[in-house]
């Protein structure tokens, strides 16, 4: 996992793999007020989802991880916390949606590192070894959020 701030994206981006940097730059220049909800093709199998969702109490949210894509997430509107745990601590897969590049887990909440997403500022990069419990309500009550998830294809080793 990598956390950065879009206000200093140029400094933060130097610490992530080179193939991810252009997507962070793109997010730094997105017009959050006019970007349309839905899927946006970014070429070469990469894409961006602009989603409108509801948060929920953390104990109702599942932890997920992916194997074919890296997530870069930015909260556009609302309030959200994301729980993080390394893949090695997630336990058994409770729901396998590998065809959609998603596996779900139910690890203990007590072991989550909780990230409070600052609206239109924080970007979080989740690699295939990062379990992430998204859409957790910071106040424990559900509320509407709008967020961007950039899906970057994992680079094959040469």
C-alpha atoms as a PDB file:
ATOM      1  CA  UNK A   1       0.000   0.000   0.000  1.00  0.00           C
ATOM      2  CA  UNK A   2       1.093   3.516  -0.712  1.00  0.00           C
ATOM      3  CA  UNK A   3      -0.635   6.674   0.481  1.00  0.00           C
ATOM      4  CA  UNK A   4      -0.104  10.075  -1.071  1.00  0.00           C
ATOM      5  CA  UNK A   5      -1.653  13.500  -1.370  1.00  0.00           C
ATOM      6  CA  UNK A   6      -2.713  14.948  -4.708  1.00  0.00           C
ATOM      7  CA  UNK A   7      -1.456  18.386  -3.622  1.00  0.00           C
ATOM      8  CA  UNK A   8       2.079  16.982  -3.713  1.00  0.00           C
ATOM      9  CA  UNK A   9       1.606  14.251  -6.307  1.00  0.00           C
ATOM     10  CA  UNK A  10       4.873  15.050  -8.111  1.00  0.00           C
ATOM     11  CA  UNK A  11       6.895  14.343  -4.958  1.00  0.00           C
ATOM     12  CA  UNK A  12       4.819  11.332  -3.912  1.00  0.00           C
ATOM     13  CA  UNK A  13       4.763   9.707  -7.361  1.00  0.00           C
ATOM     14  CA  UNK A  14       8.521   9.212  -7.407  1.00  0.00           C
ATOM     15  CA  UNK A  15       8.095   6.489  -4.781  1.00  0.00           C
ATOM     16  CA  UNK A  16       5.743   4.267  -6.786  1.00  0.00           C
ATOM     17  CA  UNK A  17       6.601   2.102  -9.813  1.00  0.00           C
ATOM     18  CA  UNK A  18       7.071   4.117 -13.016  1.00  0.00           C
ATOM     19  CA  UNK A  19       4.076   2.573 -14.814  1.00  0.00           C
ATOM     20  CA  UNK A  20       1.742   3.882 -12.074  1.00  0.00           C
ATOM     21  CA  UNK A  21       2.972   7.504 -12.116  1.00  0.00           C
ATOM     22  CA  UNK A  22       1.002   8.668 -15.192  1.00  0.00           C
ATOM     23  CA  UNK A  23      -2.236   7.590 -13.524  1.00  0.00           C
ATOM     24  CA  UNK A  24      -1.436   9.573 -10.383  1.00  0.00           C
ATOM     25  CA  UNK A  25      -0.693  12.607 -12.554  1.00  0.00           C
ATOM     26  CA  UNK A  26      -4.017  12.104 -14.336  1.00  0.00           C
ATOM     27  CA  UNK A  27      -5.851  12.019 -10.995  1.00  0.00           C
ATOM     28  CA  UNK A  28      -4.111  15.227  -9.912  1.00  0.00           C
ATOM     29  CA  UNK A  29      -5.636  16.979 -12.928  1.00  0.00           C
ATOM     30  CA  UNK A  30      -9.141  15.454 -12.902  1.00  0.00           C
ATOM     31  CA  UNK A  31     -12.010  17.919 -12.658  1.00  0.00           C
ATOM     32  CA  UNK A  32     -13.830  16.248  -9.775  1.00  0.00           C
ATOM     33  CA  UNK A  33     -16.921  18.400 -10.309  1.00  0.00           C
ATOM     34  CA  UNK A  34     -17.559  17.352 -13.908  1.00  0.00           C
ATOM     35  CA  UNK A  35     -16.209  13.805 -14.285  1.00  0.00           C
ATOM     36  CA  UNK A  36     -19.009  11.465 -15.249  1.00  0.00           C
ATOM     37  CA  UNK A  37     -19.998   8.425 -13.216  1.00  0.00           C
ATOM     38  CA  UNK A  38     -19.180   5.110 -14.881  1.00  0.00           C
ATOM     39  CA  UNK A  39     -16.287   3.315 -16.499  1.00  0.00           C
ATOM     40  CA  UNK A  40     -13.643   5.249 -18.455  1.00  0.00           C
ATOM     41  CA  UNK A  41     -11.196   3.358 -20.698  1.00  0.00           C
ATOM     42  CA  UNK A  42      -7.592   4.491 -20.191  1.00  0.00           C
ATOM     43  CA  UNK A  43      -5.999   2.261 -22.835  1.00  0.00           C
ATOM     44  CA  UNK A  44      -3.827  -0.871 -22.673  1.00  0.00           C
ATOM     45  CA  UNK A  45      -6.366  -2.667 -20.481  1.00  0.00           C
ATOM     46  CA  UNK A  46      -6.335   0.053 -17.802  1.00  0.00           C
ATOM     47  CA  UNK A  47      -9.531   1.807 -16.791  1.00  0.00           C
ATOM     48  CA  UNK A  48     -11.117   4.114 -14.258  1.00  0.00           C
ATOM     49  CA  UNK A  49     -14.409   3.646 -12.447  1.00  0.00           C
ATOM     50  CA  UNK A  50     -16.205   6.671 -11.056  1.00  0.00           C
ATOM     51  CA  UNK A  51     -18.597   5.126  -8.551  1.00  0.00           C
ATOM     52  CA  UNK A  52     -21.416   6.330  -6.358  1.00  0.00           C
ATOM     53  CA  UNK A  53     -21.785   4.015  -3.368  1.00  0.00           C
ATOM     54  CA  UNK A  54     -22.877   3.839   0.249  1.00  0.00           C
ATOM     55  CA  UNK A  55     -20.556   3.383   3.189  1.00  0.00           C
ATOM     56  CA  UNK A  56     -21.422   0.960   5.984  1.00  0.00           C
ATOM     57  CA  UNK A  57     -20.122   0.064   9.433  1.00  0.00           C
ATOM     58  CA  UNK A  58     -16.695  -1.554   9.023  1.00  0.00           C
ATOM     59  CA  UNK A  59     -17.915  -4.898  10.414  1.00  0.00           C
ATOM     60  CA  UNK A  60     -20.329  -5.112   7.473  1.00  0.00           C
ATOM     61  CA  UNK A  61     -17.620  -4.451   4.845  1.00  0.00           C
ATOM     62  CA  UNK A  62     -15.561  -7.216   3.263  1.00  0.00           C
ATOM     63  CA  UNK A  63     -11.839  -7.108   2.705  1.00  0.00           C
ATOM     64  CA  UNK A  64     -10.832  -7.640  -0.909  1.00  0.00           C
ATOM     65  CA  UNK A  65      -7.703  -8.042  -2.964  1.00  0.00           C
ATOM     66  CA  UNK A  66      -6.923  -8.398  -6.643  1.00  0.00           C
ATOM     67  CA  UNK A  67      -4.296 -10.269  -8.627  1.00  0.00           C
ATOM     68  CA  UNK A  68      -4.461  -8.729 -12.105  1.00  0.00           C
ATOM     69  CA  UNK A  69      -4.930  -5.058 -11.234  1.00  0.00           C
ATOM     70  CA  UNK A  70      -3.515  -2.437  -8.886  1.00  0.00           C
ATOM     71  CA  UNK A  71      -6.093  -0.041  -7.444  1.00  0.00           C
ATOM     72  CA  UNK A  72      -5.545   3.682  -7.084  1.00  0.00           C
ATOM     73  CA  UNK A  73      -8.433   5.110  -5.081  1.00  0.00           C
ATOM     74  CA  UNK A  74      -9.484   8.714  -4.481  1.00  0.00           C
ATOM     75  CA  UNK A  75     -12.514   9.851  -2.509  1.00  0.00           C
ATOM     76  CA  UNK A  76     -14.369  12.570  -4.445  1.00  0.00           C
ATOM     77  CA  UNK A  77     -17.311  13.342  -2.130  1.00  0.00           C
ATOM     78  CA  UNK A  78     -18.432  12.055   1.260  1.00  0.00           C
ATOM     79  CA  UNK A  79     -16.468  10.417   4.079  1.00  0.00           C
ATOM     80  CA  UNK A  80     -14.712   7.057   3.963  1.00  0.00           C
ATOM     81  CA  UNK A  81     -12.217   4.988   5.893  1.00  0.00           C
ATOM     82  CA  UNK A  82     -10.396   2.082   4.283  1.00  0.00           C
ATOM     83  CA  UNK A  83      -9.044  -0.780   6.370  1.00  0.00           C
ATOM     84  CA  UNK A  84      -5.771  -2.386   5.267  1.00  0.00           C
ATOM     85  CA  UNK A  85      -4.120  -5.713   6.090  1.00  0.00           C
ATOM     86  CA  UNK A  86      -1.415  -7.644   4.246  1.00  0.00           C
ATOM     87  CA  UNK A  87      -2.575 -10.619   2.196  1.00  0.00           C
ATOM     88  CA  UNK A  88      -0.655 -13.029   4.468  1.00  0.00           C
ATOM     89  CA  UNK A  89      -2.977 -12.130   7.397  1.00  0.00           C
ATOM     90  CA  UNK A  90      -6.330 -12.297   5.618  1.00  0.00           C
ATOM     91  CA  UNK A  91      -7.050 -15.978   6.171  1.00  0.00           C
ATOM     92  CA  UNK A  92      -9.195 -18.073   3.871  1.00  0.00           C
ATOM     93  CA  UNK A  93     -11.029 -16.686   0.856  1.00  0.00           C
ATOM     94  CA  UNK A  94     -14.714 -16.327   1.792  1.00  0.00           C
ATOM     95  CA  UNK A  95     -15.912 -15.365  -1.682  1.00  0.00           C
ATOM     96  CA  UNK A  96     -13.997 -15.982  -4.891  1.00  0.00           C
ATOM     97  CA  UNK A  97     -14.801 -13.790  -7.852  1.00  0.00           C
ATOM     98  CA  UNK A  98     -11.519 -14.362  -9.650  1.00  0.00           C
ATOM     99  CA  UNK A  99     -13.199 -13.922 -13.032  1.00  0.00           C
ATOM    100  CA  UNK A 100     -13.792 -10.293 -11.991  1.00  0.00           C
ATOM    101  CA  UNK A 101     -10.335 -10.097 -10.332  1.00  0.00           C
ATOM    102  CA  UNK A 102     -11.727 -10.002  -6.809  1.00  0.00           C
ATOM    103  CA  UNK A 103     -11.275 -12.278  -3.832  1.00  0.00           C
ATOM    104  CA  UNK A 104     -12.978 -11.467  -0.536  1.00  0.00           C
ATOM    105  CA  UNK A 105     -11.915 -12.237   3.016  1.00  0.00           C
ATOM    106  CA  UNK A 106     -13.261 -11.729   6.542  1.00  0.00           C
ATOM    107  CA  UNK A 107     -10.246 -10.939   8.722  1.00  0.00           C
ATOM    108  CA  UNK A 108     -10.618  -9.485  12.200  1.00  0.00           C
ATOM    109  CA  UNK A 109     -11.308  -5.742  12.251  1.00  0.00           C
ATOM    110  CA  UNK A 110      -8.920  -5.308  15.169  1.00  0.00           C
ATOM    111  CA  UNK A 111      -5.980  -5.974  12.835  1.00  0.00           C
ATOM    112  CA  UNK A 112      -6.973  -3.337  10.262  1.00  0.00           C
ATOM    113  CA  UNK A 113      -4.809  -0.296   9.782  1.00  0.00           C
ATOM    114  CA  UNK A 114      -7.485   2.323   9.167  1.00  0.00           C
ATOM    115  CA  UNK A 115      -6.904   5.019   6.565  1.00  0.00           C
ATOM    116  CA  UNK A 116      -9.134   8.092   6.674  1.00  0.00           C
ATOM    117  CA  UNK A 117      -9.463   9.308   3.104  1.00  0.00           C
ATOM    118  CA  UNK A 118      -9.269  13.097   2.788  1.00  0.00           C
ATOM    119  CA  UNK A 119     -11.760  14.217   0.168  1.00  0.00           C
ATOM    120  CA  UNK A 120     -10.116  15.077  -3.166  1.00  0.00           C
ATOM    121  CA  UNK A 121      -6.649  14.850  -1.611  1.00  0.00           C
ATOM    122  CA  UNK A 122      -5.614  11.368  -0.428  1.00  0.00           C
ATOM    123  CA  UNK A 123      -4.776   8.747  -3.011  1.00  0.00           C
ATOM    124  CA  UNK A 124      -4.276   5.161  -1.931  1.00  0.00           C
ATOM    125  CA  UNK A 125      -2.464   2.595  -4.074  1.00  0.00           C
ATOM    126  CA  UNK A 126      -3.356  -1.024  -3.306  1.00  0.00           C
ATOM    127  CA  UNK A 127      -1.115  -3.728  -4.769  1.00  0.00           C
ATOM    128  CA  UNK A 128      -2.107  -7.410  -5.180  1.00  0.00           C
ATOM    129  CA  UNK A 129      -0.699  -8.227  -1.720  1.00  0.00           C
ATOM    130  CA  UNK A 130      -2.812  -5.526  -0.035  1.00  0.00           C
ATOM    131  CA  UNK A 131      -6.137  -6.483   1.470  1.00  0.00           C
ATOM    132  CA  UNK A 132      -8.394  -3.432   1.555  1.00  0.00           C
ATOM    133  CA  UNK A 133     -11.745  -3.026   3.303  1.00  0.00           C
ATOM    134  CA  UNK A 134     -13.360  -0.166   1.382  1.00  0.00           C
ATOM    135  CA  UNK A 135     -16.456   1.922   2.001  1.00  0.00           C
ATOM    136  CA  UNK A 136     -16.194   1.885   5.789  1.00  0.00           C
ATOM    137  CA  UNK A 137     -18.224   4.660   7.416  1.00  0.00           C
ATOM    138  CA  UNK A 138     -16.012   6.794   9.685  1.00  0.00           C
ATOM    139  CA  UNK A 139     -18.975   7.522  11.989  1.00  0.00           C
ATOM    140  CA  UNK A 140     -20.286   3.952  11.866  1.00  0.00           C
ATOM    141  CA  UNK A 141     -23.396   4.990   9.918  1.00  0.00           C
ATOM    142  CA  UNK A 142     -23.835   4.582   6.181  1.00  0.00           C
ATOM    143  CA  UNK A 143     -23.717   7.592   3.881  1.00  0.00           C
ATOM    144  CA  UNK A 144     -23.348   8.324   0.191  1.00  0.00           C
ATOM    145  CA  UNK A 145     -19.867   8.647  -1.291  1.00  0.00           C
ATOM    146  CA  UNK A 146     -18.462   9.264  -4.728  1.00  0.00           C
ATOM    147  CA  UNK A 147     -15.042   7.896  -5.511  1.00  0.00           C
ATOM    148  CA  UNK A 148     -12.627   7.125  -8.291  1.00  0.00           C
ATOM    149  CA  UNK A 149     -10.900   3.765  -8.625  1.00  0.00           C
ATOM    150  CA  UNK A 150      -8.215   3.541 -11.278  1.00  0.00           C
ATOM    151  CA  UNK A 151      -7.445  -0.055 -12.262  1.00  0.00           C
ATOM    152  CA  UNK A 152      -3.842  -0.421 -13.504  1.00  0.00           C
ATOM    153  CA  UNK A 153      -2.867  -3.771 -15.031  1.00  0.00           C
ATOM    154  CA  UNK A 154      -0.103  -5.553 -13.168  1.00  0.00           C
ATOM    155  CA  UNK A 155       3.067  -5.475 -15.251  1.00  0.00           C
ATOM    156  CA  UNK A 156       4.419  -8.858 -16.289  1.00  0.00           C
ATOM    157  CA  UNK A 157       8.023  -9.530 -15.307  1.00  0.00           C
ATOM    158  CA  UNK A 158      10.402  -9.639 -18.239  1.00  0.00           C
END
